[in-house]
C-alpha atoms as a PDB file:
ATOM      1  CA  MET A   1      83.168 106.536 160.741  1.00  0.00           C
ATOM      2  CA  TYR A   2      83.736 110.189 160.084  1.00  0.00           C
ATOM      3  CA  GLU A   3      87.054 109.760 159.067  1.00  0.00           C
ATOM      4  CA  LEU A   4      85.606 107.249 156.505  1.00  0.00           C
ATOM      5  CA  VAL A   5      83.634 109.282 155.237  1.00  0.00           C
ATOM      6  CA  LEU A   6      86.217 111.387 155.234  1.00  0.00           C
ATOM      7  CA  ILE A   7      88.166 109.490 153.447  1.00  0.00           C
ATOM      8  CA  ILE A   8      85.573 108.319 150.789  1.00  0.00           C
ATOM      9  CA  LEU A   9      84.982 112.351 149.664  1.00  0.00           C
ATOM     10  CA  ILE A  10      89.169 113.648 149.667  1.00  0.00           C
ATOM     11  CA  PHE A  11      89.677 110.202 147.164  1.00  0.00           C
ATOM     12  CA  VAL A  12      86.068 110.884 145.165  1.00  0.00           C
ATOM     13  CA  SER A  13      87.760 114.921 145.050  1.00  0.00           C
ATOM     14  CA  ASP A  14      91.084 114.009 143.723  1.00  0.00           C
ATOM     15  CA  PHE A  15      89.511 111.303 141.559  1.00  0.00           C
ATOM     16  CA  THR A  16      87.903 114.265 140.124  1.00  0.00           C
ATOM     17  CA  ASN A  17      90.171 116.371 140.052  1.00  0.00           C
ATOM     18  CA  PHE A  18      92.304 113.872 137.937  1.00  0.00           C
ATOM     19  CA  LEU A  19      89.653 113.162 135.335  1.00  0.00           C
ATOM     20  CA  ALA A  20      89.296 116.427 134.945  1.00  0.00           C
ATOM     21  CA  LYS A  21      93.120 117.045 133.587  1.00  0.00           C
ATOM     22  CA  VAL A  22      92.647 113.697 131.790  1.00  0.00           C
ATOM     23  CA  SER A  23      90.200 115.695 129.824  1.00  0.00           C
ATOM     24  CA  ILE A  24      91.795 118.774 129.248  1.00  0.00           C
ATOM     25  CA  ASN A  25      95.134 117.158 128.346  1.00  0.00           C
ATOM     26  CA  ARG A  26      92.999 115.287 125.479  1.00  0.00           C
ATOM     27  CA  PHE A  27      91.773 118.482 124.569  1.00  0.00           C
ATOM     28  CA  LYS A  28      95.027 120.312 124.193  1.00  0.00           C
ATOM     29  CA  ILE A  29      96.541 117.367 122.672  1.00  0.00           C
ATOM     30  CA  LYS A  30      93.490 116.975 119.838  1.00  0.00           C
ATOM     31  CA  TRP A  31      93.600 120.558 119.855  1.00  0.00           C
ATOM     32  CA  ILE A  32      97.618 121.086 119.050  1.00  0.00           C
ATOM     33  CA  LYS A  33      96.910 118.262 116.169  1.00  0.00           C
ATOM     34  CA  ASN A  34      94.029 119.864 114.985  1.00  0.00           C
ATOM     35  CA  MET A  35      96.859 123.391 114.478  1.00  0.00           C
ATOM     36  CA  GLU A  36      99.448 121.405 112.830  1.00  0.00           C
ATOM     37  CA  VAL A  37     100.368 122.643 110.115  1.00  0.00           C
ATOM     38  CA  LYS A  38     100.195 119.993 106.629  1.00  0.00           C
ATOM     39  CA  ASN A  39     102.930 119.918 104.001  1.00  0.00           C
ATOM     40  CA  THR A  40     101.838 121.221 100.826  1.00  0.00           C
ATOM     41  CA  ALA A  41     102.661 119.562  97.816  1.00  0.00           C
ATOM     42  CA  LEU A  42     102.609 120.542  94.139  1.00  0.00           C
ATOM     43  CA  VAL A  43     101.575 117.214  91.732  1.00  0.00           C
ATOM     44  CA  THR A  44     102.444 118.077  87.731  1.00  0.00           C
ATOM     45  CA  GLY A  45     100.809 115.590  86.097  1.00  0.00           C
ATOM     46  CA  ALA A  46      98.529 114.295  88.493  1.00  0.00           C
ATOM     47  CA  ASN A  47      95.823 113.213  86.878  1.00  0.00           C
ATOM     48  CA  GLY A  48      97.860 110.304  84.991  1.00  0.00           C
ATOM     49  CA  PHE A  49      97.932 107.063  86.103  1.00  0.00           C
ATOM     50  CA  VAL A  50     101.135 107.765  88.721  1.00  0.00           C
ATOM     51  CA  GLY A  51      99.924 111.440  89.516  1.00  0.00           C
ATOM     52  CA  SER A  52      96.812 110.166  90.696  1.00  0.00           C
ATOM     53  CA  HIS A  53      98.597 107.310  93.086  1.00  0.00           C
ATOM     54  CA  LEU A  54     101.007 109.677  94.348  1.00  0.00           C
ATOM     55  CA  VAL A  55      98.066 112.431  94.882  1.00  0.00           C
ATOM     56  CA  ASP A  56      96.473 109.112  96.832  1.00  0.00           C
ATOM     57  CA  LEU A  57      99.185 108.679  98.863  1.00  0.00           C
ATOM     58  CA  LEU A  58     100.115 112.341  99.708  1.00  0.00           C
ATOM     59  CA  ILE A  59      96.264 112.933 100.903  1.00  0.00           C
ATOM     60  CA  GLU A  60      97.263 109.691 103.054  1.00  0.00           C
ATOM     61  CA  LYS A  61      99.830 111.119 104.796  1.00  0.00           C
ATOM     62  CA  ASN A  62      98.289 114.537 105.626  1.00  0.00           C
ATOM     63  CA  PHE A  63      99.176 116.881 103.200  1.00  0.00           C
ATOM     64  CA  LYS A  64      98.007 119.380 101.384  1.00  0.00           C
ATOM     65  CA  VAL A  65      97.953 119.122  97.646  1.00  0.00           C
ATOM     66  CA  LYS A  66      97.830 120.910  95.030  1.00  0.00           C
ATOM     67  CA  CYS A  67      97.415 119.776  90.758  1.00  0.00           C
ATOM     68  CA  LEU A  68      98.860 121.139  88.490  1.00  0.00           C
ATOM     69  CA  VAL A  69      96.994 120.390  85.146  1.00  0.00           C
ATOM     70  CA  ARG A  70      96.413 121.761  81.622  1.00  0.00           C
ATOM     71  CA  LYS A  71      92.738 123.172  80.285  1.00  0.00           C
ATOM     72  CA  SER A  72      92.492 120.342  78.527  1.00  0.00           C
ATOM     73  CA  SER A  73      93.271 117.458  80.690  1.00  0.00           C
ATOM     74  CA  ASN A  74      90.463 114.915  81.979  1.00  0.00           C
ATOM     75  CA  THR A  75      90.364 114.696  85.415  1.00  0.00           C
ATOM     76  CA  LYS A  76      88.231 111.850  86.918  1.00  0.00           C
ATOM     77  CA  TRP A  77      90.974 110.108  88.490  1.00  0.00           C
ATOM     78  CA  LEU A  78      90.443 113.499  90.965  1.00  0.00           C
ATOM     79  CA  LYS A  79      87.428 113.938  91.717  1.00  0.00           C
ATOM     80  CA  GLY A  80      86.133 114.042  94.768  1.00  0.00           C
ATOM     81  CA  LYS A  81      89.145 114.282  96.583  1.00  0.00           C
ATOM     82  CA  ASP A  82      90.489 117.303  98.700  1.00  0.00           C
ATOM     83  CA  VAL A  83      93.210 119.055  96.396  1.00  0.00           C
ATOM     84  CA  GLU A  84      93.320 122.139  94.883  1.00  0.00           C
ATOM     85  CA  ILE A  85      93.556 121.759  90.984  1.00  0.00           C
ATOM     86  CA  ILE A  86      95.415 124.406  89.280  1.00  0.00           C
ATOM     87  CA  ASP A  87      95.133 124.832  86.089  1.00  0.00           C
ATOM     88  CA  CYS A  88      98.664 125.824  84.867  1.00  0.00           C
ATOM     89  CA  GLY A  89     100.791 125.489  81.074  1.00  0.00           C
ATOM     90  CA  PHE A  90     104.175 125.451  81.839  1.00  0.00           C
ATOM     91  CA  ASN A  91     104.777 128.148  79.621  1.00  0.00           C
ATOM     92  CA  ASP A  92     102.679 130.801  81.996  1.00  0.00           C
ATOM     93  CA  LYS A  93     106.054 131.526  84.333  1.00  0.00           C
ATOM     94  CA  GLU A  94     103.138 133.973  86.376  1.00  0.00           C
ATOM     95  CA  GLY A  95     101.294 131.258  86.961  1.00  0.00           C
ATOM     96  CA  LEU A  96     104.446 129.018  88.359  1.00  0.00           C
ATOM     97  CA  THR A  97     105.843 131.001  90.430  1.00  0.00           C
ATOM     98  CA  ASN A  98     102.061 130.940  91.950  1.00  0.00           C
ATOM     99  CA  ALA A  99     101.987 127.469  92.224  1.00  0.00           C
ATOM    100  CA  VAL A 100     105.071 126.871  93.980  1.00  0.00           C
ATOM    101  CA  ASN A 101     105.051 130.486  96.004  1.00  0.00           C
ATOM    102  CA  ASP A 102     103.894 128.390  99.159  1.00  0.00           C
ATOM    103  CA  VAL A 103     104.815 124.570  98.839  1.00  0.00           C
ATOM    104  CA  ASP A 104     107.005 122.326 100.318  1.00  0.00           C
ATOM    105  CA  TYR A 105     107.779 119.660  97.899  1.00  0.00           C
ATOM    106  CA  VAL A 106     107.110 119.624  94.167  1.00  0.00           C
ATOM    107  CA  PHE A 107     106.751 116.315  92.134  1.00  0.00           C
ATOM    108  CA  HIS A 108     107.406 116.862  88.416  1.00  0.00           C
ATOM    109  CA  VAL A 109     105.436 114.122  87.258  1.00  0.00           C
ATOM    110  CA  ALA A 110     104.639 115.391  83.844  1.00  0.00           C
ATOM    111  CA  GLY A 111     106.437 114.492  80.532  1.00  0.00           C
ATOM    112  CA  VAL A 112     105.746 113.773  76.919  1.00  0.00           C
ATOM    113  CA  VAL A 113     106.542 109.751  75.964  1.00  0.00           C
ATOM    114  CA  LYS A 114     104.816 110.803  72.795  1.00  0.00           C
ATOM    115  CA  SER A 115     105.758 112.923  69.798  1.00  0.00           C
ATOM    116  CA  LYS A 116     105.405 113.738  66.299  1.00  0.00           C
ATOM    117  CA  LYS A 117     108.595 116.016  65.494  1.00  0.00           C
ATOM    118  CA  PRO A 118     112.301 115.255  68.047  1.00  0.00           C
ATOM    119  CA  GLU A 119     111.687 118.484  69.913  1.00  0.00           C
ATOM    120  CA  GLY A 120     108.186 117.732  71.047  1.00  0.00           C
ATOM    121  CA  TYR A 121     110.480 115.648  73.894  1.00  0.00           C
ATOM    122  CA  PHE A 122     112.625 118.287  74.042  1.00  0.00           C
ATOM    123  CA  ILE A 123     110.457 121.017  74.693  1.00  0.00           C
ATOM    124  CA  GLY A 124     108.080 118.611  77.174  1.00  0.00           C
ATOM    125  CA  ASN A 125     110.606 117.019  78.541  1.00  0.00           C
ATOM    126  CA  VAL A 126     113.536 119.314  79.775  1.00  0.00           C
ATOM    127  CA  GLU A 127     112.676 123.045  78.300  1.00  0.00           C
ATOM    128  CA  ASN A 128     108.917 122.094  80.320  1.00  0.00           C
ATOM    129  CA  THR A 129     111.391 121.207  83.711  1.00  0.00           C
ATOM    130  CA  ARG A 130     113.063 124.581  83.231  1.00  0.00           C
ATOM    131  CA  ASN A 131     109.979 126.406  83.393  1.00  0.00           C
ATOM    132  CA  LEU A 132     109.232 124.300  86.996  1.00  0.00           C
ATOM    133  CA  LEU A 133     112.775 124.803  88.522  1.00  0.00           C
ATOM    134  CA  ASP A 134     112.616 128.336  87.262  1.00  0.00           C
ATOM    135  CA  ALA A 135     109.668 129.306  89.101  1.00  0.00           C
ATOM    136  CA  CYS A 136     111.030 126.801  92.361  1.00  0.00           C
ATOM    137  CA  LEU A 137     114.057 129.350  92.613  1.00  0.00           C
ATOM    138  CA  ASN A 138     112.009 131.980  93.866  1.00  0.00           C
ATOM    139  CA  ASN A 139     110.260 129.579  96.829  1.00  0.00           C
ATOM    140  CA  LYS A 140     113.548 129.435  99.522  1.00  0.00           C
ATOM    141  CA  ALA A 141     111.520 127.319 101.752  1.00  0.00           C
ATOM    142  CA  ILE A 142     110.909 123.816  99.310  1.00  0.00           C
ATOM    143  CA  LYS A 143     112.478 120.945 100.926  1.00  0.00           C
ATOM    144  CA  LYS A 144     112.421 118.900  97.564  1.00  0.00           C
ATOM    145  CA  VAL A 145     111.736 118.808  94.427  1.00  0.00           C
ATOM    146  CA  ILE A 146     111.144 115.394  92.981  1.00  0.00           C
ATOM    147  CA  ILE A 147     112.148 114.647  89.041  1.00  0.00           C
ATOM    148  CA  VAL A 148     110.381 112.114  87.846  1.00  0.00           C
ATOM    149  CA  SER A 149     112.956 110.398  84.971  1.00  0.00           C
ATOM    150  CA  SER A 150     112.541 107.093  83.509  1.00  0.00           C
ATOM    151  CA  GLN A 151     115.313 104.213  83.058  1.00  0.00           C
ATOM    152  CA  THR A 152     115.298 105.200  79.638  1.00  0.00           C
ATOM    153  CA  ALA A 153     117.374 108.026  80.675  1.00  0.00           C
ATOM    154  CA  CYS A 154     119.987 104.993  80.867  1.00  0.00           C
ATOM    155  CA  GLY A 155     119.074 102.400  78.657  1.00  0.00           C
ATOM    156  CA  PRO A 156     118.679  98.818  78.558  1.00  0.00           C
ATOM    157  CA  THR A 157     120.434  96.209  80.075  1.00  0.00           C
ATOM    158  CA  LEU A 158     124.060  95.494  78.750  1.00  0.00           C
ATOM    159  CA  GLU A 159     125.112  92.240  78.961  1.00  0.00           C
ATOM    160  CA  GLY A 160     123.536  90.823  81.322  1.00  0.00           C
ATOM    161  CA  LYS A 161     124.280  93.460  83.805  1.00  0.00           C
ATOM    162  CA  LEU A 162     121.559  95.435  85.352  1.00  0.00           C
ATOM    163  CA  VAL A 163     121.661  99.157  85.246  1.00  0.00           C
ATOM    164  CA  ASN A 164     121.832 101.250  88.646  1.00  0.00           C
ATOM    165  CA  GLU A 165     123.095 104.620  89.514  1.00  0.00           C
ATOM    166  CA  LYS A 166     126.888 104.251  88.408  1.00  0.00           C
ATOM    167  CA  THR A 167     126.016 102.948  84.930  1.00  0.00           C
ATOM    168  CA  GLU A 168     126.888 105.193  81.668  1.00  0.00           C
ATOM    169  CA  PRO A 169     123.891 106.112  80.366  1.00  0.00           C
ATOM    170  CA  HIS A 170     123.277 104.827  77.069  1.00  0.00           C
ATOM    171  CA  PRO A 171     119.335 105.885  75.831  1.00  0.00           C
ATOM    172  CA  ILE A 172     118.615 104.167  72.682  1.00  0.00           C
ATOM    173  CA  THR A 173     115.497 106.396  71.117  1.00  0.00           C
ATOM    174  CA  THR A 174     114.332 110.468  70.830  1.00  0.00           C
ATOM    175  CA  TYR A 175     112.553 109.964  74.571  1.00  0.00           C
ATOM    176  CA  GLY A 176     115.272 108.429  76.661  1.00  0.00           C
ATOM    177  CA  ARG A 177     117.790 111.446  75.238  1.00  0.00           C
ATOM    178  CA  SER A 178     115.101 113.723  76.481  1.00  0.00           C
ATOM    179  CA  LYS A 179     115.072 112.420  78.649  1.00  0.00           C
ATOM    180  CA  ARG A 180     118.196 112.215  80.071  1.00  0.00           C
ATOM    181  CA  GLU A 181     118.906 116.160  79.263  1.00  0.00           C
ATOM    182  CA  GLU A 182     116.434 116.180  81.613  1.00  0.00           C
ATOM    183  CA  GLU A 183     118.311 114.800  84.096  1.00  0.00           C
ATOM    184  CA  LEU A 184     121.818 116.802  83.538  1.00  0.00           C
ATOM    185  CA  LEU A 185     119.104 119.990  83.920  1.00  0.00           C
ATOM    186  CA  ALA A 186     118.268 118.786  86.662  1.00  0.00           C
ATOM    187  CA  HIS A 187     121.968 118.572  87.848  1.00  0.00           C
ATOM    188  CA  SER A 188     122.773 122.394  86.455  1.00  0.00           C
ATOM    189  CA  TYR A 189     120.239 123.185  89.507  1.00  0.00           C
ATOM    190  CA  MET A 190     121.246 120.771  92.478  1.00  0.00           C
ATOM    191  CA  ASP A 191     123.084 124.160  93.245  1.00  0.00           C
ATOM    192  CA  LYS A 192     120.151 126.001  93.836  1.00  0.00           C
ATOM    193  CA  LEU A 193     117.785 123.541  94.356  1.00  0.00           C
ATOM    194  CA  PRO A 194     117.074 120.473  96.962  1.00  0.00           C
ATOM    195  CA  ILE A 195     116.253 118.090  93.792  1.00  0.00           C
ATOM    196  CA  THR A 196     116.259 114.116  93.692  1.00  0.00           C
ATOM    197  CA  ILE A 197     116.237 112.430  90.520  1.00  0.00           C
ATOM    198  CA  CYS A 198     113.651 109.101  90.404  1.00  0.00           C
ATOM    199  CA  ARG A 199     113.923 106.927  87.462  1.00  0.00           C
ATOM    200  CA  ALA A 200     111.062 104.175  86.616  1.00  0.00           C
ATOM    201  CA  PRO A 201     110.733 101.046  85.212  1.00  0.00           C
ATOM    202  CA  ALA A 202     107.657  99.406  82.907  1.00  0.00           C
ATOM    203  CA  ILE A 203     105.099 100.841  85.999  1.00  0.00           C
ATOM    204  CA  TYR A 204     101.711  99.118  85.895  1.00  0.00           C
ATOM    205  CA  GLY A 205      98.161  99.230  88.135  1.00  0.00           C
ATOM    206  CA  GLU A 206      94.617 100.185  88.300  1.00  0.00           C
ATOM    207  CA  ARG A 207      94.399 103.017  85.867  1.00  0.00           C
ATOM    208  CA  ASP A 208      96.968 102.857  83.795  1.00  0.00           C
ATOM    209  CA  THR A 209      96.482 102.206  79.879  1.00  0.00           C
ATOM    210  CA  GLU A 210      99.446 100.759  78.674  1.00  0.00           C
ATOM    211  CA  ILE A 211     100.522  97.863  80.076  1.00  0.00           C
ATOM    212  CA  PHE A 212      96.394  97.099  80.252  1.00  0.00           C
ATOM    213  CA  ILE A 213      96.876  96.351  75.807  1.00  0.00           C
ATOM    214  CA  PHE A 214      98.689  92.938  77.445  1.00  0.00           C
ATOM    215  CA  PHE A 215      95.954  91.845  80.016  1.00  0.00           C
ATOM    216  CA  ASP A 216      93.679  92.475  77.348  1.00  0.00           C
ATOM    217  CA  THR A 217      94.432  91.281  74.343  1.00  0.00           C
ATOM    218  CA  PHE A 218      95.478  88.333  77.514  1.00  0.00           C
ATOM    219  CA  ASN A 219      91.794  88.367  77.866  1.00  0.00           C
ATOM    220  CA  LYS A 220      90.843  87.903  74.726  1.00  0.00           C
ATOM    221  CA  GLY A 221      92.589  84.844  73.667  1.00  0.00           C
ATOM    222  CA  LEU A 222      96.373  85.553  73.018  1.00  0.00           C
ATOM    223  CA  MET A 223      99.316  86.282  74.240  1.00  0.00           C
ATOM    224  CA  THR A 224     101.905  87.680  72.099  1.00  0.00           C
ATOM    225  CA  THR A 225     105.985  87.720  73.284  1.00  0.00           C
ATOM    226  CA  ILE A 226     108.876  90.120  71.337  1.00  0.00           C
ATOM    227  CA  GLY A 227     111.777  87.634  69.777  1.00  0.00           C
ATOM    228  CA  MET A 228     112.198  84.340  70.059  1.00  0.00           C
ATOM    229  CA  LYS A 229     114.500  84.433  73.433  1.00  0.00           C
ATOM    230  CA  ASP A 230     112.579  85.385  76.591  1.00  0.00           C
ATOM    231  CA  LYS A 231     113.132  88.650  77.558  1.00  0.00           C
ATOM    232  CA  ASN A 232     113.737  90.027  81.619  1.00  0.00           C
ATOM    233  CA  ILE A 233     112.098  92.706  82.866  1.00  0.00           C
ATOM    234  CA  SER A 234     112.158  95.440  85.885  1.00  0.00           C
ATOM    235  CA  LEU A 235     107.835  95.644  85.953  1.00  0.00           C
ATOM    236  CA  ILE A 236     106.461  97.954  89.204  1.00  0.00           C
ATOM    237  CA  HIS A 237     102.892  98.064  90.494  1.00  0.00           C
ATOM    238  CA  VAL A 238     102.444 101.706  90.828  1.00  0.00           C
ATOM    239  CA  VAL A 239     101.796 101.896  94.362  1.00  0.00           C
ATOM    240  CA  ASP A 240     105.099 100.483  95.278  1.00  0.00           C
ATOM    241  CA  PHE A 241     106.747 103.433  92.794  1.00  0.00           C
ATOM    242  CA  VAL A 242     104.580 106.239  94.279  1.00  0.00           C
ATOM    243  CA  LYS A 243     105.949 104.995  97.621  1.00  0.00           C
ATOM    244  CA  GLY A 244     109.613 105.380  96.412  1.00  0.00           C
ATOM    245  CA  LEU A 245     108.811 108.438  95.392  1.00  0.00           C
ATOM    246  CA  TYR A 246     107.396 109.382  98.341  1.00  0.00           C
ATOM    247  CA  LEU A 247     110.500 108.532 100.391  1.00  0.00           C
ATOM    248  CA  ALA A 248     113.660 110.156  98.441  1.00  0.00           C
ATOM    249  CA  ALA A 249     110.810 113.542  99.057  1.00  0.00           C
ATOM    250  CA  ILE A 250     111.840 112.979 102.721  1.00  0.00           C
ATOM    251  CA  ASN A 251     114.778 112.355 103.561  1.00  0.00           C
ATOM    252  CA  PRO A 252     116.913 114.926 103.360  1.00  0.00           C
ATOM    253  CA  ALA A 253     119.788 112.577 102.582  1.00  0.00           C
ATOM    254  CA  SER A 254     118.009 112.253  99.015  1.00  0.00           C
ATOM    255  CA  THR A 255     118.839 115.933  97.560  1.00  0.00           C
ATOM    256  CA  GLY A 256     121.247 115.275  94.712  1.00  0.00           C
ATOM    257  CA  GLN A 257     121.003 111.905  94.690  1.00  0.00           C
ATOM    258  CA  THR A 258     119.439 110.110  91.917  1.00  0.00           C
ATOM    259  CA  TYR A 259     117.520 105.890  92.491  1.00  0.00           C
ATOM    260  CA  PHE A 260     115.958 103.658  90.295  1.00  0.00           C
ATOM    261  CA  ILE A 261     112.302 102.716  91.805  1.00  0.00           C
ATOM    262  CA  SER A 262     111.955  99.566  90.912  1.00  0.00           C
ATOM    263  CA  SER A 263     111.423  95.970  91.712  1.00  0.00           C
ATOM    264  CA  GLU A 264     113.695  94.371  93.664  1.00  0.00           C
ATOM    265  CA  VAL A 265     112.296  91.203  91.497  1.00  0.00           C
ATOM    266  CA  ILE A 266     113.132  91.200  87.765  1.00  0.00           C
ATOM    267  CA  TYR A 267     110.849  89.055  85.720  1.00  0.00           C
ATOM    268  CA  ASN A 268     110.858  87.615  82.357  1.00  0.00           C
ATOM    269  CA  TRP A 269     107.398  87.680  80.255  1.00  0.00           C
ATOM    270  CA  THR A 270     106.493  83.842  80.485  1.00  0.00           C
ATOM    271  CA  GLN A 271     106.874  84.350  83.880  1.00  0.00           C
ATOM    272  CA  ILE A 272     104.268  87.515  83.689  1.00  0.00           C
ATOM    273  CA  GLY A 273     102.307  85.548  81.019  1.00  0.00           C
ATOM    274  CA  ASP A 274     102.097  82.131  83.941  1.00  0.00           C
ATOM    275  CA  ILE A 275     100.717  84.303  86.801  1.00  0.00           C
ATOM    276  CA  THR A 276      98.507  86.245  84.178  1.00  0.00           C
ATOM    277  CA  SER A 277      96.908  83.181  83.038  1.00  0.00           C
ATOM    278  CA  LYS A 278      96.236  81.947  86.282  1.00  0.00           C
ATOM    279  CA  VAL A 279      94.095  85.346  87.440  1.00  0.00           C
ATOM    280  CA  LEU A 280      92.325  86.192  84.286  1.00  0.00           C
ATOM    281  CA  ASN A 281      92.553  81.536  83.870  1.00  0.00           C
ATOM    282  CA  LYS A 282      92.900  81.797  80.766  1.00  0.00           C
ATOM    283  CA  ARG A 283      94.777  79.752  78.583  1.00  0.00           C
ATOM    284  CA  PRO A 284      95.766  81.866  75.447  1.00  0.00           C
ATOM    285  CA  ILE A 285      97.084  80.941  71.878  1.00  0.00           C
ATOM    286  CA  LYS A 286     100.815  82.230  72.665  1.00  0.00           C
ATOM    287  CA  ILE A 287     103.152  84.320  69.283  1.00  0.00           C
ATOM    288  CA  LYS A 288     106.753  84.875  69.406  1.00  0.00           C
ATOM    289  CA  VAL A 289     106.854  87.318  66.930  1.00  0.00           C
ATOM    290  CA  PRO A 290     110.588  88.031  65.467  1.00  0.00           C
ATOM    291  CA  HIS A 291     112.292  90.992  65.528  1.00  0.00           C
ATOM    292  CA  PHE A 292     112.348  91.979  61.783  1.00  0.00           C
ATOM    293  CA  ILE A 293     108.299  92.094  61.981  1.00  0.00           C
ATOM    294  CA  VAL A 294     107.734  94.403  64.902  1.00  0.00           C
ATOM    295  CA  TYR A 295     110.275  96.240  62.852  1.00  0.00           C
ATOM    296  CA  THR A 296     108.119  96.638  59.038  1.00  0.00           C
ATOM    297  CA  ILE A 297     104.595  96.775  61.632  1.00  0.00           C
ATOM    298  CA  ALA A 298     106.583 100.253  62.922  1.00  0.00           C
ATOM    299  CA  ALA A 299     107.260 101.438  59.903  1.00  0.00           C
ATOM    300  CA  ILE A 300     104.299 100.685  59.044  1.00  0.00           C
ATOM    301  CA  ALA A 301     102.744 102.743  61.565  1.00  0.00           C
ATOM    302  CA  GLN A 302     104.558 104.937  61.667  1.00  0.00           C
ATOM    303  CA  TYR A 303     104.118 105.833  57.970  1.00  0.00           C
ATOM    304  CA  PHE A 304     100.416 106.483  58.427  1.00  0.00           C
ATOM    305  CA  ALA A 305     100.911 108.393  61.075  1.00  0.00           C
ATOM    306  CA  MET A 306     101.973 110.830  59.069  1.00  0.00           C
ATOM    307  CA  PHE A 307      98.879 111.878  57.982  1.00  0.00           C
ATOM    308  CA  SER A 308      97.193 111.809  61.302  1.00  0.00           C
ATOM    309  CA  SER A 309      97.215 114.480  64.411  1.00  0.00           C
ATOM    310  CA  LYS A 310      98.739 111.695  66.503  1.00  0.00           C
ATOM    311  CA  ALA A 311     101.472 110.258  67.056  1.00  0.00           C
ATOM    312  CA  ALA A 312     102.186 106.792  66.623  1.00  0.00           C
ATOM    313  CA  THR A 313     101.016 104.203  69.737  1.00  0.00           C
ATOM    314  CA  LEU A 314     104.165 101.859  67.679  1.00  0.00           C
ATOM    315  CA  ASN A 315     107.474 103.425  65.585  1.00  0.00           C
ATOM    316  CA  LEU A 316     110.373 102.655  64.267  1.00  0.00           C
ATOM    317  CA  GLU A 317     111.973 104.426  67.760  1.00  0.00           C
ATOM    318  CA  LYS A 318     109.444 102.563  70.165  1.00  0.00           C
ATOM    319  CA  ALA A 319     110.252  98.774  68.066  1.00  0.00           C
ATOM    320  CA  ARG A 320     113.830  99.608  68.849  1.00  0.00           C
ATOM    321  CA  ASP A 321     113.028  99.722  72.563  1.00  0.00           C
ATOM    322  CA  LEU A 322     110.959  96.133  72.502  1.00  0.00           C
ATOM    323  CA  VAL A 323     113.198  94.236  70.901  1.00  0.00           C
ATOM    324  CA  GLN A 324     115.851  95.190  73.120  1.00  0.00           C
ATOM    325  CA  SER A 325     116.945  91.524  75.678  1.00  0.00           C
ATOM    326  CA  ASP A 326     116.108  93.224  78.929  1.00  0.00           C
ATOM    327  CA  TRP A 327     114.971  96.176  80.648  1.00  0.00           C
ATOM    328  CA  THR A 328     116.270  95.673  84.112  1.00  0.00           C
ATOM    329  CA  CYS A 329     117.805  97.524  87.310  1.00  0.00           C
ATOM    330  CA  ASP A 330     119.134  97.547  90.546  1.00  0.00           C
ATOM    331  CA  THR A 331     117.164  99.620  93.130  1.00  0.00           C
ATOM    332  CA  THR A 332     119.715  98.691  95.994  1.00  0.00           C
ATOM    333  CA  LYS A 333     120.869 101.792  96.661  1.00  0.00           C
ATOM    334  CA  ALA A 334     116.829 103.386  97.370  1.00  0.00           C
ATOM    335  CA  VAL A 335     116.685  99.687  99.238  1.00  0.00           C
ATOM    336  CA  ARG A 336     119.812 100.701 101.178  1.00  0.00           C
ATOM    337  CA  GLU A 337     119.505 104.782 101.571  1.00  0.00           C
ATOM    338  CA  LEU A 338     115.440 105.403 101.821  1.00  0.00           C
ATOM    339  CA  ASN A 339     114.483 102.109 103.214  1.00  0.00           C
ATOM    340  CA  TYR A 340     112.366 101.627 100.149  1.00  0.00           C
ATOM    341  CA  ARG A 341     110.824  98.125  99.459  1.00  0.00           C
ATOM    342  CA  GLN A 342     108.868  96.298  96.986  1.00  0.00           C
ATOM    343  CA  GLU A 343     106.276  95.598  98.798  1.00  0.00           C
ATOM    344  CA  ILE A 344     103.814  94.312  96.254  1.00  0.00           C
ATOM    345  CA  SER A 345     104.716  90.763  94.341  1.00  0.00           C
ATOM    346  CA  ALA A 346     103.968  90.033  90.508  1.00  0.00           C
ATOM    347  CA  GLU A 347     101.042  88.044  91.789  1.00  0.00           C
ATOM    348  CA  ASP A 348      99.280  89.944  94.025  1.00  0.00           C
ATOM    349  CA  GLY A 349      99.669  92.900  91.618  1.00  0.00           C
ATOM    350  CA  ILE A 350      98.724  91.598  88.887  1.00  0.00           C
ATOM    351  CA  ALA A 351      95.509  90.556  90.415  1.00  0.00           C
ATOM    352  CA  ARG A 352      94.482  93.992  91.755  1.00  0.00           C
ATOM    353  CA  THR A 353      95.301  95.228  89.068  1.00  0.00           C
ATOM    354  CA  CYS A 354      92.803  92.640  86.572  1.00  0.00           C
ATOM    355  CA  LYS A 355      89.902  93.210  89.124  1.00  0.00           C
ATOM    356  CA  TRP A 356      89.940  96.752  88.538  1.00  0.00           C
ATOM    357  CA  TYR A 357      89.748  96.622  85.136  1.00  0.00           C
ATOM    358  CA  LYS A 358      87.066  94.009  85.640  1.00  0.00           C
ATOM    359  CA  GLU A 359      85.765  96.393  88.439  1.00  0.00           C
ATOM    360  CA  VAL A 360      85.431  98.796  85.515  1.00  0.00           C
ATOM    361  CA  GLY A 361      84.549  96.907  82.731  1.00  0.00           C
ATOM    362  CA  TRP A 362      87.637  97.537  80.707  1.00  0.00           C
ATOM    363  CA  LEU A 363      88.390  93.619  80.712  1.00  0.00           C
ATOM    364  CA  LYS A 364      85.383  91.924  80.300  1.00  0.00           C
END
């Protein structure tokens, strides 16, 4: 009987010690996790459509996020989020140096897409980028600088073939030429900084105000398409796009490379219209607008914009963009090297986007 009691006591003692060790180890693991140093990322244009979604993803990935915004910026998409707001313009070289001083990653999303004068594009997309990269030179610990470019820097589809990273750039607008000049500038810094260029196609999704016009008009019973023939387009949901930016940033092998971050599926506007019709349960009147009418409207809009302080949404250069047969690109390189995949189909993406538009009252 004594031996049995002794065995039980020894067992209880050993089990208690085991539990104590487990508790200590769990505490150590928790303490170590709490002591982990977060990566820090600086996002320019963080208050915008793409930038704010990138901020959301970086927070989800446990990054410390610094948001570079202008004094006049509307920061409603950043309110309530655990971010540091940095009020600094691109001409403030000391402010830029301080902003990038302790960051691991820089995501340069900001840019100029509308300007009354050609030089406005080059100042906003080239000189501002130059100032940012000069500031980055002072931080020797930066792991990656992501430059968000555009398919317009490469140009539209040629002879029905998807453009890719080897396609000779052939931009057709001042905006496109400024983005190509930005890419060339970035290349000139690649011997000093770990830079990756990511080109975007047409992007849609929650918070977007540009392609929203299509959904809004559709919801009101009208679908307009440009030209008599259907046009093809690479179209990506913003959540997929920012995931591509993230994958490019964390992959050391992407340094010095250019990638198209796009949909793996090519769509045409008839398909987009059919999907939107199902989502909104609408059968709109469909109108095909001839190219010459697009140019006529653009010329009128451009003329009246001369008397306004704001740049025209539609001008002759934008019309040239719109009348192109296809704006399609090949994302094979990103799939192969970054393990990037399109996860959100047009069906799911348009459904969630329109749902959000309705929730915030943009679509009635």
